Protein backbone atom coordinates (compact mmCIF):
# COMPACT_ATOMS: atom_id res chain seq x y z
CA MET A 1 -0.02 -0.35 0.16
CA PRO A 2 2.54 2.85 0.91
CA ASP A 3 4.27 1.65 -2.62
CA LEU A 4 1.29 2.61 -4.32
CA ARG A 5 0.48 5.70 -2.46
CA TYR A 6 3.77 6.81 -3.48
CA LYS A 7 3.35 5.93 -7.18
CA THR A 8 0.11 8.17 -7.14
CA LEU A 9 1.65 11.20 -5.82
CA VAL A 10 4.70 10.91 -7.98
CA ASP A 11 1.85 10.42 -11.21
CA HIS A 12 -0.57 13.38 -9.95
CA LEU A 13 2.41 15.94 -9.28
CA ALA A 14 3.84 14.80 -12.82
CA ASP A 15 0.75 15.50 -14.26
CA ASP A 16 -0.06 19.05 -13.22
CA ILE A 17 3.33 19.51 -13.74
CA ARG A 18 3.24 18.63 -18.27
CA THR A 19 -0.43 19.80 -17.94
CA GLY A 20 0.84 23.67 -16.76
CA ARG A 21 -1.43 23.42 -13.68
CA LEU A 22 2.06 24.08 -11.43
CA ARG A 23 4.18 26.31 -13.82
CA PRO A 24 7.74 26.33 -14.12
CA GLY A 25 9.10 27.87 -11.43
CA THR A 26 6.37 27.06 -8.56
CA ARG A 27 7.43 26.40 -5.43
CA LEU A 28 6.13 23.09 -4.05
CA PRO A 29 5.12 21.92 -0.53
CA THR A 30 8.58 20.86 1.93
CA HIS A 31 8.88 17.59 2.24
CA ARG A 32 7.30 18.28 5.48
CA ASP A 33 4.38 19.71 4.82
CA LEU A 34 3.84 17.36 1.51
CA ALA A 35 3.51 14.64 4.25
CA ALA A 36 1.26 16.22 6.53
CA ARG A 37 -1.33 17.19 3.54
CA GLU A 38 -1.29 13.95 2.02
CA CYS A 39 -1.05 11.93 5.46
CA VAL A 40 1.98 9.93 4.38
CA ALA A 41 5.77 9.35 6.05
CA LEU A 42 8.30 12.21 6.00
CA VAL A 43 10.38 9.35 4.43
CA THR A 44 8.05 8.55 1.55
CA ALA A 45 7.94 12.33 0.64
CA THR A 46 11.07 12.49 0.19
CA ARG A 47 11.18 9.51 -2.03
CA VAL A 48 8.14 11.17 -3.88
CA TYR A 49 10.47 14.66 -4.98
CA ALA A 50 13.69 12.72 -5.08
CA GLU A 51 11.72 10.50 -8.28
CA LEU A 52 10.18 14.22 -9.82
CA GLN A 53 13.78 15.43 -9.59
CA ALA A 54 14.97 12.04 -11.39
CA MET A 55 12.32 12.48 -13.98
CA GLY A 56 13.98 16.07 -14.83
CA LEU A 57 10.68 17.98 -13.68
CA VAL A 58 11.62 19.77 -10.46
CA SER A 59 14.62 20.60 -8.90
CA GLY A 60 15.66 21.13 -5.32
CA GLU A 61 17.04 24.14 -4.38
CA THR A 62 19.68 23.79 -1.01
CA GLY A 63 17.94 26.13 1.33
CA ARG A 64 15.51 27.42 -0.31
CA GLY A 65 13.18 24.86 -1.45
CA THR A 66 11.51 22.56 -4.02
CA PHE A 67 10.61 24.20 -7.81
CA VAL A 68 9.33 22.98 -10.69
CA LYS A 69 11.11 22.94 -13.75
CA GLU A 70 11.04 23.02 -17.19
CA PRO A 71 9.53 19.61 -18.92
CA LEU A 72 11.47 17.68 -21.11
CA PRO A 73 12.18 18.90 -23.94
CA ARG A 74 9.87 19.15 -26.99
CA GLY A 75 10.43 16.43 -29.53
CA GLN A 76 9.87 13.58 -27.65
CA GLY A 77 8.15 11.64 -30.42
CA ILE A 78 5.71 14.59 -32.09
CA ASP A 79 7.80 17.74 -32.41
CA LEU A 80 10.89 17.70 -35.04
CA GLN A 81 13.51 19.21 -32.86
CA ALA A 82 17.09 20.17 -34.84
CA TRP A 83 19.34 18.87 -31.63
CA GLY A 84 22.63 19.82 -31.83
CA THR A 85 25.60 17.83 -33.27
CA ASP A 86 26.56 16.27 -30.03
CA THR A 87 22.72 14.77 -29.42
CA VAL A 88 22.26 11.46 -30.82
CA ASP A 89 18.22 11.66 -32.11
CA LEU A 90 16.60 8.28 -31.66
CA SER A 91 13.22 9.84 -31.64
CA PHE A 92 12.72 10.47 -35.15
CA ASN A 93 13.75 7.98 -37.75
CA ASN A 94 15.35 9.40 -41.32
CA PRO A 95 16.64 7.01 -42.90
CA SER A 96 19.11 7.33 -45.55
CA LEU A 97 21.53 5.02 -47.41
CA PRO A 98 25.17 6.35 -48.41
CA ALA A 99 24.39 6.60 -52.21
CA GLN A 100 21.11 8.59 -52.33
CA ALA A 101 23.06 12.14 -52.08
CA GLY A 102 24.72 10.93 -55.45
CA LEU A 103 21.09 9.75 -57.26
CA LEU A 104 19.37 13.09 -55.80
CA ARG A 105 22.36 14.89 -57.96
CA THR A 106 21.92 12.80 -61.28
CA ALA A 107 18.13 13.54 -60.75
CA LEU A 108 18.37 17.41 -60.88
CA ARG A 109 20.69 17.32 -63.59
CA GLN A 110 18.33 14.97 -65.41
CA LEU A 111 15.56 17.37 -64.82
CA ALA A 112 17.43 20.40 -65.87
CA LEU A 113 17.35 18.99 -69.18
CA ALA A 114 13.99 17.93 -69.38
CA GLY A 115 11.90 19.31 -72.29
CA ASP A 116 9.10 20.81 -69.81
CA LEU A 117 11.17 21.56 -67.58
CA GLU A 118 9.33 25.31 -67.50
CA SER A 119 5.82 23.35 -66.61
CA LEU A 120 7.30 22.84 -63.36
CA LEU A 121 7.44 26.57 -62.46
CA ARG A 122 3.80 26.58 -62.92
CA TYR A 123 0.86 25.53 -60.70
CA GLN A 124 0.05 21.87 -60.68
CA PRO A 125 -3.61 20.73 -60.64
CA HIS A 126 -4.85 19.92 -56.76
CA GLY A 127 -4.80 15.97 -57.24
CA GLY A 128 -1.46 16.05 -59.59
CA ARG A 129 -0.90 16.02 -62.82
CA GLU A 130 -2.33 12.88 -64.41
CA HIS A 131 0.79 10.83 -65.48
CA GLU A 132 2.18 11.38 -62.31
CA ARG A 133 -1.05 10.04 -60.61
CA ALA A 134 -1.01 6.82 -62.90
CA ILE A 135 2.92 6.36 -62.12
CA VAL A 136 2.31 6.49 -58.36
CA ALA A 137 -0.95 4.54 -59.32
CA ARG A 138 1.20 1.33 -60.78
CA HIS A 139 3.96 1.64 -57.28
CA LEU A 140 0.73 0.74 -55.10
CA THR A 141 -0.59 -1.93 -57.81
CA SER A 142 3.16 -3.45 -56.60
CA ARG A 143 1.69 -3.26 -52.71
CA GLY A 144 -1.53 -5.17 -53.72
CA LEU A 145 -3.89 -2.36 -54.55
CA GLU A 146 -5.61 -2.55 -57.59
CA ALA A 147 -5.18 1.60 -58.25
CA THR A 148 -5.57 3.96 -61.14
CA GLY A 149 -4.71 7.48 -61.83
CA ALA A 150 -8.24 8.60 -61.40
CA ASP A 151 -8.50 7.04 -57.77
CA THR A 152 -4.90 8.48 -56.64
CA VAL A 153 -4.08 11.62 -55.66
CA LEU A 154 -0.63 13.17 -54.63
CA VAL A 155 0.26 14.78 -51.42
CA SER A 156 2.76 16.73 -49.76
CA GLY A 157 3.99 13.75 -48.01
CA GLY A 158 2.40 10.87 -45.05
CA GLN A 159 1.12 13.52 -42.79
CA HIS A 160 -0.42 15.72 -45.43
CA GLY A 161 -2.70 12.73 -46.16
CA LEU A 162 -3.62 11.98 -43.10
CA THR A 163 -4.85 15.63 -42.49
CA THR A 164 -6.18 15.93 -45.39
CA THR A 165 -8.30 12.80 -45.16
CA ALA A 166 -9.57 14.20 -41.85
CA MET A 167 -10.79 17.33 -43.63
CA ALA A 168 -12.00 15.54 -45.99
CA LEU A 169 -14.09 12.61 -45.33
CA LEU A 170 -14.83 13.69 -40.93
CA GLU A 171 -16.51 16.87 -39.23
CA PRO A 172 -15.39 17.92 -36.23
CA GLY A 173 -17.12 15.60 -33.36
CA ASP A 174 -16.93 12.23 -35.11
CA VAL A 175 -15.53 9.67 -33.12
CA VAL A 176 -12.84 8.01 -34.34
CA ALA A 177 -11.47 4.47 -33.08
CA VAL A 178 -7.79 4.35 -32.87
CA ASP A 179 -5.11 2.07 -30.89
CA THR A 180 -4.37 2.97 -27.90
CA LEU A 181 -0.91 3.57 -28.44
CA THR A 182 -0.81 5.33 -32.23
CA TYR A 183 1.32 7.32 -34.47
CA PRO A 184 1.58 10.73 -32.99
CA GLY A 185 0.84 12.54 -36.09
CA PHE A 186 -2.89 11.47 -36.59
CA LYS A 187 -3.15 12.80 -33.05
CA LEU A 188 -2.48 15.81 -34.50
CA ALA A 189 -4.55 15.68 -37.19
CA ALA A 190 -7.47 14.75 -34.71
CA GLU A 191 -6.46 17.46 -32.50
CA ALA A 192 -6.83 20.32 -35.45
CA ASN A 193 -10.08 18.80 -36.77
CA ARG A 194 -11.72 18.64 -33.36
CA LEU A 195 -11.89 14.62 -33.59
CA GLU A 196 -12.75 12.63 -31.36
CA LEU A 197 -10.16 9.82 -30.47
CA VAL A 198 -11.35 6.64 -28.28
CA PRO A 199 -8.70 3.95 -27.96
CA ILE A 200 -9.36 0.31 -28.82
CA PRO A 201 -7.21 -2.09 -26.87
CA ALA A 202 -5.06 -4.46 -28.54
CA ALA A 203 -5.64 -8.45 -29.10
CA GLY A 204 -2.34 -9.45 -30.56
CA SER A 205 -1.16 -7.79 -33.22
CA GLY A 206 -4.25 -5.75 -34.10
CA PRO A 207 -6.85 -3.84 -32.06
CA ASP A 208 -9.72 -5.89 -30.48
CA PRO A 209 -12.56 -6.54 -32.50
CA ASP A 210 -14.79 -7.36 -29.89
CA ALA A 211 -13.57 -4.38 -27.90
CA LEU A 212 -14.49 -2.29 -31.26
CA THR A 213 -17.66 -3.95 -32.11
CA ALA A 214 -19.01 -3.21 -28.79
CA LEU A 215 -17.89 0.69 -29.17
CA CYS A 216 -19.81 1.04 -32.58
CA LYS A 217 -22.82 -0.55 -30.54
CA ARG A 218 -22.16 2.13 -27.81
CA ARG A 219 -21.27 5.19 -30.07
CA ARG A 220 -21.95 6.30 -33.35
CA VAL A 221 -18.03 5.68 -34.55
CA ARG A 222 -17.24 7.11 -37.88
CA ALA A 223 -14.12 5.68 -38.88
CA LEU A 224 -11.23 3.52 -37.75
CA TYR A 225 -7.42 4.57 -38.17
CA THR A 226 -5.29 1.94 -37.95
CA MET A 227 -1.93 0.51 -39.13
CA PRO A 228 -2.32 -2.92 -40.04
CA THR A 229 1.67 -3.45 -41.57
CA LEU A 230 4.13 -2.01 -39.06
CA HIS A 231 2.19 -0.44 -36.89
CA ASN A 232 4.19 2.21 -35.40
CA PRO A 233 5.63 2.42 -32.50
CA LEU A 234 4.78 -1.71 -31.53
CA GLY A 235 5.80 -3.19 -34.86
CA TRP A 236 3.01 -5.49 -35.42
CA VAL A 237 1.65 -7.13 -38.39
CA MET A 238 -1.91 -7.57 -38.51
CA SER A 239 -3.01 -11.46 -39.90
CA ALA A 240 -5.02 -11.54 -42.53
CA THR A 241 -7.48 -12.99 -40.62
CA ARG A 242 -7.60 -9.95 -38.08
CA ARG A 243 -8.05 -7.74 -41.24
CA ARG A 244 -11.21 -9.76 -42.58
CA GLU A 245 -12.64 -9.28 -39.32
CA LEU A 246 -11.65 -5.85 -39.30
CA VAL A 247 -13.56 -5.32 -42.52
CA ALA A 248 -16.64 -6.79 -41.68
CA ILE A 249 -17.18 -4.38 -38.78
CA ALA A 250 -16.18 -1.60 -40.83
CA ARG A 251 -18.97 -2.74 -43.30
CA ARG A 252 -21.33 -3.93 -40.76
CA HIS A 253 -21.29 -0.47 -38.78
CA GLY A 254 -20.51 1.51 -41.68
CA LEU A 255 -16.88 3.07 -40.95
CA ILE A 256 -14.44 4.92 -42.85
CA LEU A 257 -10.71 3.03 -42.57
CA ILE A 258 -8.14 5.43 -42.74
CA GLU A 259 -4.76 2.71 -43.85
CA ASP A 260 -1.84 4.65 -42.68
CA ALA A 261 1.10 2.46 -44.70
CA ALA A 262 3.97 4.69 -43.97
CA TYR A 263 6.06 1.81 -43.06
CA ALA A 264 4.36 -1.02 -44.67
CA PHE A 265 7.82 -1.61 -47.48
CA LEU A 266 9.38 -2.45 -45.27
CA ALA A 267 7.59 -5.63 -44.39
CA GLU A 268 7.59 -8.81 -46.72
CA ASP A 269 5.13 -11.14 -47.54
CA ALA A 270 2.60 -9.32 -45.69
CA PRO A 271 -1.11 -9.93 -46.10
CA PRO A 272 -2.96 -7.79 -48.42
CA PRO A 273 -3.81 -4.53 -47.37
CA LEU A 274 -7.17 -3.28 -45.94
CA ALA A 275 -7.77 -1.31 -48.74
CA SER A 276 -7.44 -4.30 -51.56
CA LEU A 277 -10.24 -6.11 -48.90
CA ALA A 278 -12.55 -2.68 -48.69
CA PRO A 279 -12.30 -0.13 -51.68
CA GLU A 280 -14.90 1.08 -51.48
CA SER A 281 -14.42 2.49 -47.81
CA THR A 282 -10.90 2.63 -47.11
CA VAL A 283 -8.20 5.31 -47.41
CA TYR A 284 -5.01 4.36 -48.34
CA VAL A 285 -2.24 6.81 -47.00
CA SER A 286 1.43 6.50 -47.40
CA SER A 287 4.68 8.10 -49.15
CA PHE A 288 7.89 8.35 -49.91
CA SER A 289 9.13 9.84 -46.96
CA LYS A 290 10.34 6.48 -45.44
CA SER A 291 11.46 4.57 -48.08
CA VAL A 292 13.11 7.08 -50.06
CA ALA A 293 13.91 10.27 -48.10
CA THR A 294 12.45 12.21 -45.29
CA GLY A 295 13.12 15.64 -47.30
CA LEU A 296 11.41 14.54 -50.74
CA ARG A 297 7.44 15.16 -49.23
CA VAL A 298 5.65 13.79 -51.85
CA GLY A 299 2.54 11.35 -50.26
CA PHE A 300 -0.19 9.18 -51.84
CA VAL A 301 -3.70 8.57 -51.30
CA HIS A 302 -5.76 5.61 -52.63
CA ALA A 303 -9.49 6.38 -52.07
CA PRO A 304 -12.74 5.32 -53.70
CA THR A 305 -13.23 7.54 -56.49
CA GLU A 306 -16.42 9.31 -55.31
CA TRP A 307 -14.34 10.68 -52.07
CA ILE A 308 -11.48 12.06 -54.51
CA PRO A 309 -13.00 15.40 -55.19
CA LYS A 310 -13.24 16.71 -51.78
CA LEU A 311 -9.88 15.33 -50.93
CA GLU A 312 -8.63 17.43 -53.92
CA ARG A 313 -10.71 20.35 -52.04
CA LYS A 314 -8.50 20.11 -49.00
CA ILE A 315 -5.97 19.95 -51.09
CA ARG A 316 -6.29 23.42 -52.57
CA ALA A 317 -7.06 24.42 -49.15
CA THR A 318 -3.79 23.71 -47.96
CA THR A 319 -1.28 23.19 -50.31
CA TRP A 320 -2.99 24.13 -53.42
CA ASN A 321 -0.18 21.22 -55.31
CA VAL A 322 2.36 19.06 -54.39
CA PRO A 323 5.38 20.92 -55.01
CA ALA A 324 6.52 19.78 -58.65
CA THR A 325 10.08 19.25 -58.61
CA MET A 326 9.86 16.75 -55.90
CA THR A 327 7.10 15.02 -57.65
CA ALA A 328 9.19 14.93 -61.11
CA ILE A 329 11.94 13.49 -59.21
CA ALA A 330 10.08 10.87 -57.18
CA CYS A 331 7.92 9.57 -60.24
CA GLY A 332 11.38 9.53 -62.23
CA TRP A 333 12.59 7.04 -59.60
CA VAL A 334 9.34 4.86 -59.69
CA GLU A 335 9.57 4.51 -63.67
CA ASP A 336 13.33 3.31 -63.27
CA GLY A 337 13.33 1.31 -60.56
CA THR A 338 15.19 3.19 -58.15
CA VAL A 339 11.99 3.46 -55.57
CA ALA A 340 11.69 -0.32 -55.54
CA ARG A 341 16.03 -0.70 -54.64
CA LEU A 342 16.11 1.83 -52.39
CA GLU A 343 13.28 -0.15 -50.20
CA ALA A 344 14.87 -3.53 -50.75
CA GLU A 345 17.96 -2.00 -49.55
CA LYS A 346 15.93 -0.30 -46.53
CA ARG A 347 15.05 -4.20 -45.81
CA LYS A 348 18.29 -5.23 -45.06
CA ASP A 349 19.49 -1.83 -43.46
CA ALA A 350 16.21 -2.19 -41.32
CA ALA A 351 17.18 -6.12 -40.50
CA GLN A 352 20.82 -5.41 -39.55
CA ARG A 353 19.78 -2.84 -37.39
CA GLN A 354 17.14 -4.97 -35.22
CA SER A 355 19.81 -7.61 -35.28
CA LEU A 356 22.44 -5.48 -33.57
CA ALA A 357 20.00 -3.99 -30.93
CA ALA A 358 18.94 -7.25 -30.40
CA ARG A 359 22.38 -7.95 -29.33
CA VAL A 360 23.13 -5.10 -27.50
CA LEU A 361 19.76 -4.75 -25.88
CA SER A 362 19.53 -8.62 -25.07
CA LYS A 363 19.17 -8.32 -21.45
CA VAL A 364 16.16 -5.66 -22.21
CA ARG A 365 12.75 -6.04 -23.04
CA ARG A 366 11.71 -5.38 -26.16
CA ILE A 367 8.52 -5.20 -28.72
CA GLY A 368 9.24 -4.67 -32.26
CA HIS A 369 9.73 -6.16 -35.98
CA PRO A 370 12.60 -8.14 -37.62
CA SER A 371 12.20 -5.32 -40.34
CA SER A 372 11.19 -2.58 -38.91
CA TYR A 373 13.09 0.91 -38.32
CA PHE A 374 11.94 1.04 -34.55
CA LEU A 375 12.00 -0.67 -31.38
CA TRP A 376 9.43 -0.68 -28.39
CA LEU A 377 10.96 -0.94 -24.79
CA PRO A 378 8.47 -1.66 -22.28
CA LEU A 379 9.87 -0.67 -18.38
CA GLU A 380 9.34 -2.24 -15.40
CA GLN A 381 7.04 -1.67 -13.08
CA GLU A 382 9.11 0.12 -10.49
CA VAL A 383 11.37 2.38 -13.96
CA ARG A 384 9.67 5.38 -14.95
CA ALA A 385 10.27 6.63 -19.05
CA ASP A 386 10.75 9.91 -17.81
CA ALA A 387 13.45 9.61 -15.54
CA ILE A 388 15.05 7.55 -18.49
CA ALA A 389 14.80 9.85 -21.16
CA MET A 390 16.31 12.82 -18.86
CA ALA A 391 19.22 10.40 -17.72
CA LEU A 392 19.71 9.39 -21.53
CA MET A 393 19.15 13.40 -22.41
CA ARG A 394 22.12 14.24 -19.97
CA GLU A 395 24.02 11.71 -22.01
CA ARG A 396 22.84 13.73 -25.25
CA ILE A 397 21.05 10.90 -26.18
CA SER A 398 17.26 11.82 -27.25
CA VAL A 399 14.54 9.09 -27.01
CA SER A 400 10.47 9.27 -27.55
CA THR A 401 8.28 8.16 -24.30
CA ALA A 402 4.89 6.90 -24.95
CA HIS A 403 3.24 9.82 -23.74
CA PRO A 404 2.82 11.23 -27.64
CA PHE A 405 1.77 7.66 -28.29
CA ALA A 406 -1.01 7.45 -25.80
CA THR A 407 -4.39 8.14 -26.19
CA SER A 408 -5.92 6.38 -22.89
CA PRO A 409 -5.60 8.03 -19.29
CA HIS A 410 -3.03 4.84 -18.72
CA VAL A 411 0.26 5.93 -20.19
CA PRO A 412 2.59 3.13 -19.79
CA HIS A 413 6.27 3.44 -18.86
CA ALA A 414 7.92 2.80 -22.15
CA ILE A 415 10.68 3.90 -24.70
CA ARG A 416 10.35 3.97 -28.45
CA LEU A 417 13.82 3.92 -30.23
CA ALA A 418 14.19 5.26 -33.60
CA LEU A 419 16.78 3.39 -35.35
CA ALA A 420 17.28 4.84 -38.49
CA SER A 421 18.87 8.19 -38.38
CA VAL A 422 22.87 7.91 -37.48
CA ASP A 423 25.26 5.43 -38.38
CA MET A 424 25.85 1.78 -37.10
CA PRO A 425 29.18 2.31 -35.12
CA THR A 426 26.84 5.43 -33.18
CA LEU A 427 23.93 3.45 -33.22
CA ARG A 428 25.63 0.65 -31.27
CA ARG A 429 27.26 3.14 -28.78
CA SER A 430 24.05 4.91 -28.21
CA LEU A 431 21.99 1.92 -27.68
CA GLU A 432 25.12 0.66 -25.03
CA ILE A 433 24.01 3.78 -23.31
CA VAL A 434 20.33 3.34 -23.45
CA ALA A 435 21.14 -0.87 -22.04
CA ARG A 436 23.32 0.43 -19.40
CA VAL A 437 20.84 3.45 -18.04
CA ILE A 438 17.59 1.18 -18.18
CA ALA A 439 20.10 -1.08 -15.92
CA ASP A 440 21.19 1.49 -13.48
CA HIS A 441 17.57 2.39 -12.84
CA THR A 442 15.89 -0.89 -12.45
CA TYR A 443 16.20 -2.41 -8.69
């Protein structure tokens, strides 16, 4: 019971600090005052403040008291930071291969010699030029979709695709079912469009169909957002049976299925996409950000033909059109086989990084996929994710906690590692530090 009381106090104060109810600079009660107010022993109050200090939320100043600090730096899995050169970023993935800069130089030279270069200086159709939509549609057929230029639009990356989908097909107040741990970018899109996200617990590799059915009977659910192939952050690949179950529920209750396939290219021999099982109700969103380069802001949305005009209007309202130069480069690489080659090389690269992580973190509990670019580390009950993240920041290593991914009030203590933003020697050294820091905090 004392341990439970101690953890409750830590969680309550930590939540007050993170949400701003206790602002930076606020002086907290003395150890004795906290003990008296909460009816706990003095040693328990001291332990609470020590834990908050280890998490980087408060600082104790001799003779003055305990004060609220600035919380963890932004960038814990949801806001990209420009870290200094002395900080190793394991919070964001930036998968890149050594030869890619040379590919870009060649592509730019070829583009400069192209006959229609002047056309790239003009406005483009909102959903992309017809021949480029057709090229991307042929690329999607290699992923198991029956796509054409008429049901495919180009967007400025996967995040833009998710946001325009939410804007085009959903209304403020709509209920969207999501995993209890999900991609932070969709949470941002939902917040911007005032959607209500309702978490669905996992059952094996995917959302629990029974829980989704129960929610649909209880509430008017408008859509399900899901990542069936290489879920971020848990790395699952949903079985064919589970996909059919979700499609059946969607048809029974009239749900829109929003299928996020940002990392799907990494999983070989995955079951067919939801969009191939339920093309009449699925929006398939992906991009070239992870398969080619994060700076190449070209994504694509495949949807029922009757929804395409709505998507095009939202593209117009947000970016007008995808940058023509980037689209021309991406489509050229699709046609000449560069994208397929890069995807194959990155599958191999991701597998090597996962293998390295398995060796270095052999004593740490891990959840992931053998060819994904991220790894989920659930922590032991007595270990707090905030304390681990702050300890790693002191070692100049940035990681993500579970907070950006969580959609339910219960936020697990876990760390997500992005494995694809540094070279292999740096990754090895960083993972060794991660293993040491977790071990030091486990007691």
